[in-house]
Amino acid sequence: MSAITVAKKDFRDAIRSRVLIGLTVVFALFTVGGAALASWISELFEDGGAGSTIDLIFALQAPASFLVPVIALVVGYGAIAGERESGSLKFLLGLPHSRQDVVLGKVLGRTGVVAVSILVGFAVGLLGLIAFVGSVSIGHYIAFTLVTILFGFVYVCIGVGLSSMTRSTTRAAIGAFGLIIFFWIVWGIIGQALLFVTTDSLAVESIPDWYFVYSSLPPDNAYGSTIEVVLGQTQSTMSSDVADLPFVAKPWFGPVILAIWALVPLSIGRWRFKNVDL
């Protein structure tokens, strides 16, 4: 229950600082703007109408995979490092809270902030979807919303894990946004370089299995795979047949990869925070 107490305090602090309101507005604008853009593009290239809800979700997935990590890491990276810098962490630990309670409570509190902002923002955005798209599958939309919350939770865990490893918010911020750049840019460059070295060409007719595995490992791609699983529909991939992919690269393994990305950085950060002098 001590972790819950820390989480409640963290959540109340977010409300008082109006962080929750700001994030809610961001997610509402994101969904409404995405629906408007999808509707406009659809009218340009089709006979009118914005396509199915699944098409719209797949269209929203790409920008969400950029927006959610940034917001979740902004919310998470200062969770513990910020309190260490200000000195309030010693006061917090002076109460009947263990260091494990603090880490878990910070994860729960910051995830609550991200989750509520996504829920409320997407609910408001649903009105925009109905206005621009017309017919919306509520079930598919709810599934997309829940997977996006899970995705936010993963990056909150990464952010709090990084925050637990350092006493400086500057270092935590550099680590957080360095990680984003690594996944967005560097990971792909490394993959392309390895593909070129092993095949002597980037335009290969048969892409090796290891490349599919490598490409599926970032949390952003695992997020897309998880959406495919819950929607029961697969997007076009580099492989002509999903059944031919290695099991790690198959959509059903996406949730497993997300779980690993949540647990490993958080566990390392928790271990580091447990053994470090304040």
Protein backbone atom coordinates (compact mmCIF):
# COMPACT_ATOMS: atom_id res chain seq x y z
CA MET A 1 0.00 0.00 0.00
CA SER A 2 2.98 2.30 0.49
CA ALA A 3 3.63 2.32 -3.26
CA ILE A 4 -0.01 3.27 -3.84
CA THR A 5 0.42 6.20 -1.45
CA VAL A 6 3.43 7.44 -3.41
CA ALA A 7 1.50 6.99 -6.68
CA LYS A 8 -1.47 9.01 -5.38
CA LYS A 9 0.81 11.86 -4.31
CA ASP A 10 2.54 11.84 -7.69
CA PHE A 11 -0.80 11.92 -9.50
CA ARG A 12 -2.11 14.79 -7.34
CA ASP A 13 1.07 16.76 -7.97
CA ALA A 14 0.54 16.33 -11.73
CA ILE A 15 -3.00 17.66 -11.45
CA ARG A 16 -1.88 20.67 -9.40
CA SER A 17 0.85 21.48 -11.91
CA ARG A 18 -1.68 21.17 -14.78
CA VAL A 19 0.49 18.58 -16.50
CA LEU A 20 -2.54 16.31 -16.85
CA ILE A 21 -4.62 19.01 -18.52
CA GLY A 22 -1.84 19.82 -20.95
CA LEU A 23 -1.30 16.20 -21.95
CA THR A 24 -5.04 15.67 -22.38
CA VAL A 25 -5.24 18.61 -24.77
CA VAL A 26 -2.27 17.24 -26.74
CA PHE A 27 -3.86 13.80 -27.20
CA ALA A 28 -7.26 15.30 -28.08
CA LEU A 29 -5.70 17.50 -30.75
CA PHE A 30 -3.70 14.53 -31.98
CA THR A 31 -6.74 12.32 -32.61
CA VAL A 32 -8.95 15.08 -34.02
CA GLY A 33 -6.14 16.36 -36.25
CA GLY A 34 -5.32 12.83 -37.37
CA ALA A 35 -8.95 12.15 -38.27
CA ALA A 36 -9.22 15.40 -40.21
CA LEU A 37 -6.00 14.70 -42.11
CA ALA A 38 -7.02 11.11 -42.89
CA SER A 39 -10.41 12.29 -44.12
CA TRP A 40 -8.83 14.96 -46.33
CA ILE A 41 -6.30 12.53 -47.84
CA SER A 42 -9.04 9.97 -48.40
CA GLU A 43 -11.18 12.47 -50.29
CA LEU A 44 -8.24 13.32 -52.52
CA PHE A 45 -7.50 9.76 -53.56
CA GLU A 46 -10.81 7.94 -53.16
CA ASP A 47 -14.47 8.49 -53.81
CA GLY A 48 -14.95 10.19 -50.44
CA GLY A 49 -15.19 8.92 -46.90
CA ALA A 50 -12.25 8.33 -44.62
CA GLY A 51 -12.00 4.58 -44.92
CA SER A 52 -12.52 2.03 -42.17
CA THR A 53 -11.70 2.53 -38.51
CA ILE A 54 -8.84 0.04 -38.87
CA ASP A 55 -7.37 2.07 -41.73
CA LEU A 56 -7.59 5.18 -39.58
CA ILE A 57 -5.98 3.43 -36.61
CA PHE A 58 -3.07 2.29 -38.75
CA ALA A 59 -2.75 5.87 -40.00
CA LEU A 60 -2.69 7.18 -36.41
CA GLN A 61 -0.23 4.52 -35.25
CA ALA A 62 2.85 6.11 -36.84
CA PRO A 63 2.47 9.57 -35.27
CA ALA A 64 1.43 7.95 -31.96
CA SER A 65 4.67 5.96 -31.94
CA PHE A 66 6.50 9.31 -31.97
CA LEU A 67 4.24 11.31 -29.65
CA VAL A 68 3.69 8.79 -26.84
CA PRO A 69 7.40 8.02 -26.15
CA VAL A 70 8.27 11.72 -25.97
CA ILE A 71 5.43 12.47 -23.56
CA ALA A 72 5.98 9.36 -21.41
CA LEU A 73 9.73 10.02 -21.11
CA VAL A 74 9.13 13.68 -20.28
CA VAL A 75 6.77 12.56 -17.53
CA GLY A 76 9.11 9.80 -16.31
CA TYR A 77 12.73 10.93 -16.54
CA GLY A 78 12.57 13.35 -13.61
CA ALA A 79 10.52 11.09 -11.33
CA ILE A 80 13.36 10.16 -8.97
CA ALA A 81 16.35 12.18 -10.20
CA GLY A 82 14.32 15.37 -9.76
CA GLU A 83 13.53 14.58 -6.14
CA ARG A 84 17.15 13.66 -5.50
CA GLU A 85 18.26 17.04 -6.86
CA SER A 86 15.74 18.96 -4.78
CA GLY A 87 16.39 16.95 -1.64
CA SER A 88 12.73 15.96 -1.24
CA LEU A 89 13.61 12.31 -1.80
CA LYS A 90 15.22 12.06 1.65
CA PHE A 91 12.03 13.38 3.19
CA LEU A 92 9.97 10.90 1.19
CA LEU A 93 12.17 8.00 2.29
CA GLY A 94 11.93 9.29 5.87
CA LEU A 95 8.28 8.27 5.75
CA PRO A 96 7.38 4.57 5.87
CA HIS A 97 8.32 4.06 2.20
CA SER A 98 11.06 1.73 1.01
CA ARG A 99 13.09 2.57 -2.09
CA GLN A 100 11.21 -0.13 -3.95
CA ASP A 101 7.93 1.51 -2.92
CA VAL A 102 9.16 4.82 -4.29
CA VAL A 103 10.18 3.36 -7.66
CA LEU A 104 6.95 1.38 -8.06
CA GLY A 105 4.85 4.29 -6.84
CA LYS A 106 6.50 6.65 -9.31
CA VAL A 107 5.80 4.21 -12.16
CA LEU A 108 2.15 3.86 -11.15
CA GLY A 109 1.65 7.58 -10.61
CA ARG A 110 3.30 8.67 -13.85
CA THR A 111 1.54 5.92 -15.79
CA GLY A 112 -1.73 7.13 -14.32
CA VAL A 113 -1.03 10.63 -15.63
CA VAL A 114 -0.26 9.33 -19.13
CA ALA A 115 -3.18 6.85 -19.10
CA VAL A 116 -5.82 9.36 -17.98
CA SER A 117 -4.61 11.94 -20.49
CA ILE A 118 -4.80 9.34 -23.29
CA LEU A 119 -8.24 8.12 -22.19
CA VAL A 120 -9.76 11.60 -21.90
CA GLY A 121 -7.92 12.95 -24.93
CA PHE A 122 -8.93 10.01 -27.10
CA ALA A 123 -12.52 10.24 -25.83
CA VAL A 124 -12.66 13.87 -26.92
CA GLY A 125 -10.94 12.93 -30.14
CA LEU A 126 -13.61 10.30 -30.76
CA LEU A 127 -16.08 13.11 -31.34
CA GLY A 128 -13.78 14.44 -34.03
CA LEU A 129 -13.49 11.00 -35.56
CA ILE A 130 -17.25 10.69 -35.75
CA ALA A 131 -17.49 14.15 -37.29
CA PHE A 132 -14.85 13.55 -39.96
CA VAL A 133 -15.11 9.80 -40.50
CA GLY A 134 -18.78 9.20 -39.76
CA SER A 135 -18.95 5.55 -38.74
CA VAL A 136 -16.42 4.45 -36.11
CA SER A 137 -15.93 0.96 -34.68
CA ILE A 138 -15.95 1.62 -30.94
CA GLY A 139 -14.44 -1.79 -30.17
CA HIS A 140 -11.44 -1.26 -32.45
CA TYR A 141 -10.99 2.28 -31.18
CA ILE A 142 -11.01 1.16 -27.54
CA ALA A 143 -8.49 -1.59 -28.37
CA PHE A 144 -6.21 0.98 -30.01
CA THR A 145 -6.56 3.26 -26.98
CA LEU A 146 -5.67 0.48 -24.50
CA VAL A 147 -2.64 -0.62 -26.52
CA THR A 148 -1.48 3.00 -26.66
CA ILE A 149 -1.78 3.21 -22.86
CA LEU A 150 0.31 0.03 -22.60
CA PHE A 151 2.87 1.62 -24.93
CA GLY A 152 2.95 4.71 -22.71
CA PHE A 153 3.45 2.49 -19.65
CA VAL A 154 6.49 0.89 -21.30
CA TYR A 155 8.15 4.24 -21.88
CA VAL A 156 7.25 5.45 -18.38
CA CYS A 157 9.08 2.37 -17.05
CA ILE A 158 12.06 3.22 -19.24
CA GLY A 159 11.98 6.85 -18.08
CA VAL A 160 11.68 6.00 -14.37
CA GLY A 161 14.38 3.35 -14.80
CA LEU A 162 16.75 5.96 -16.25
CA SER A 163 15.75 8.40 -13.52
CA SER A 164 16.61 5.79 -10.89
CA MET A 165 20.11 5.35 -12.28
CA THR A 166 21.28 8.95 -11.90
CA ARG A 167 21.04 11.79 -9.43
CA SER A 168 20.89 14.42 -12.20
CA THR A 169 17.77 15.29 -14.20
CA THR A 170 20.03 16.61 -16.95
CA ARG A 171 21.69 13.23 -17.35
CA ALA A 172 18.32 11.47 -17.16
CA ALA A 173 16.94 13.78 -19.85
CA ILE A 174 19.96 13.21 -22.09
CA GLY A 175 19.57 9.47 -21.65
CA ALA A 176 15.83 9.58 -22.34
CA PHE A 177 15.99 11.64 -25.50
CA GLY A 178 19.17 9.94 -26.64
CA LEU A 179 17.21 6.70 -26.46
CA ILE A 180 14.45 8.18 -28.63
CA ILE A 181 16.97 9.30 -31.25
CA PHE A 182 18.62 5.87 -31.09
CA PHE A 183 15.35 4.07 -31.82
CA TRP A 184 14.11 6.56 -34.42
CA ILE A 185 17.33 7.00 -36.41
CA VAL A 186 20.39 5.03 -35.25
CA TRP A 187 18.70 1.63 -34.95
CA GLY A 188 17.58 1.72 -38.59
CA ILE A 189 20.97 2.94 -39.82
CA ILE A 190 22.74 0.10 -37.98
CA GLY A 191 20.30 -2.41 -39.45
CA GLN A 192 20.82 -1.12 -42.98
CA ALA A 193 24.59 -1.14 -42.50
CA LEU A 194 24.56 -4.73 -41.24
CA LEU A 195 22.30 -5.74 -44.12
CA PHE A 196 24.70 -4.17 -46.62
CA VAL A 197 27.75 -5.82 -45.01
CA THR A 198 26.17 -9.28 -44.95
CA THR A 199 24.56 -9.18 -48.41
CA ASP A 200 26.73 -6.63 -50.29
CA SER A 201 23.54 -4.86 -51.32
CA LEU A 202 20.57 -2.98 -49.84
CA ALA A 203 18.29 -4.10 -52.67
CA VAL A 204 18.14 -7.79 -51.81
CA GLU A 205 15.33 -9.95 -53.16
CA SER A 206 15.22 -12.22 -50.13
CA ILE A 207 15.69 -10.39 -46.82
CA PRO A 208 17.39 -12.61 -44.21
CA ASP A 209 15.44 -13.71 -41.15
CA TRP A 210 17.79 -11.95 -38.73
CA TYR A 211 16.82 -8.60 -40.25
CA PHE A 212 13.13 -9.20 -39.55
CA VAL A 213 14.03 -10.06 -35.96
CA TYR A 214 16.27 -7.01 -35.62
CA SER A 215 13.59 -4.71 -37.04
CA SER A 216 10.92 -6.04 -34.67
CA LEU A 217 12.89 -5.42 -31.47
CA PRO A 218 12.42 -1.65 -30.87
CA PRO A 219 9.40 -0.89 -28.64
CA ASP A 220 7.90 1.32 -31.36
CA ASN A 221 7.70 -1.62 -33.78
CA ALA A 222 6.47 -3.92 -31.01
CA TYR A 223 3.68 -1.38 -30.44
CA GLY A 224 2.64 -1.74 -34.08
CA SER A 225 2.73 -5.53 -33.83
CA THR A 226 0.55 -5.46 -30.71
CA ILE A 227 -2.01 -3.29 -32.50
CA GLU A 228 -2.11 -5.84 -35.31
CA VAL A 229 -2.73 -8.61 -32.76
CA VAL A 230 -5.62 -6.88 -30.97
CA LEU A 231 -7.22 -5.77 -34.24
CA GLY A 232 -6.77 -9.18 -35.84
CA GLN A 233 -5.45 -7.58 -39.01
CA THR A 234 -1.89 -7.41 -40.27
CA GLN A 235 -0.39 -4.49 -42.12
CA SER A 236 1.72 -5.02 -45.20
CA THR A 237 5.20 -6.21 -44.27
CA MET A 238 8.47 -6.93 -46.02
CA SER A 239 7.49 -10.57 -46.06
CA SER A 240 4.86 -11.93 -48.42
CA ASP A 241 3.65 -14.34 -45.74
CA VAL A 242 3.64 -13.61 -42.00
CA ALA A 243 3.78 -17.35 -41.35
CA ASP A 244 7.28 -17.41 -42.87
CA LEU A 245 8.65 -14.89 -40.37
CA PRO A 246 10.78 -15.99 -37.40
CA PHE A 247 8.59 -16.27 -34.30
CA VAL A 248 10.24 -13.21 -32.69
CA ALA A 249 9.20 -11.12 -35.70
CA LYS A 250 5.59 -12.33 -35.75
CA PRO A 251 2.93 -9.90 -34.50
CA TRP A 252 1.91 -12.10 -31.53
CA PHE A 253 5.41 -11.66 -30.06
CA GLY A 254 5.01 -7.87 -29.96
CA PRO A 255 3.43 -7.81 -26.46
CA VAL A 256 6.31 -9.97 -25.18
CA ILE A 257 8.86 -7.47 -26.51
CA LEU A 258 6.94 -4.61 -24.89
CA ALA A 259 6.96 -6.46 -21.57
CA ILE A 260 10.73 -6.96 -21.81
CA TRP A 261 11.27 -3.27 -22.54
CA ALA A 262 9.17 -2.36 -19.51
CA LEU A 263 10.75 -4.80 -17.05
CA VAL A 264 14.45 -4.75 -17.91
CA PRO A 265 15.21 -0.98 -17.67
CA LEU A 266 12.98 -0.66 -14.62
CA SER A 267 14.64 -3.62 -12.89
CA ILE A 268 18.12 -2.26 -13.59
CA GLY A 269 17.10 1.19 -12.35
CA ARG A 270 15.48 -0.27 -9.23
CA TRP A 271 18.60 -2.31 -8.46
CA ARG A 272 20.83 0.73 -8.98
CA PHE A 273 18.64 2.97 -6.82
CA LYS A 274 18.45 0.36 -4.06
CA ASN A 275 22.24 0.18 -3.73
CA VAL A 276 23.29 3.78 -4.26
CA ASP A 277 24.04 6.36 -1.56
CA LEU A 278 21.72 9.37 -1.66
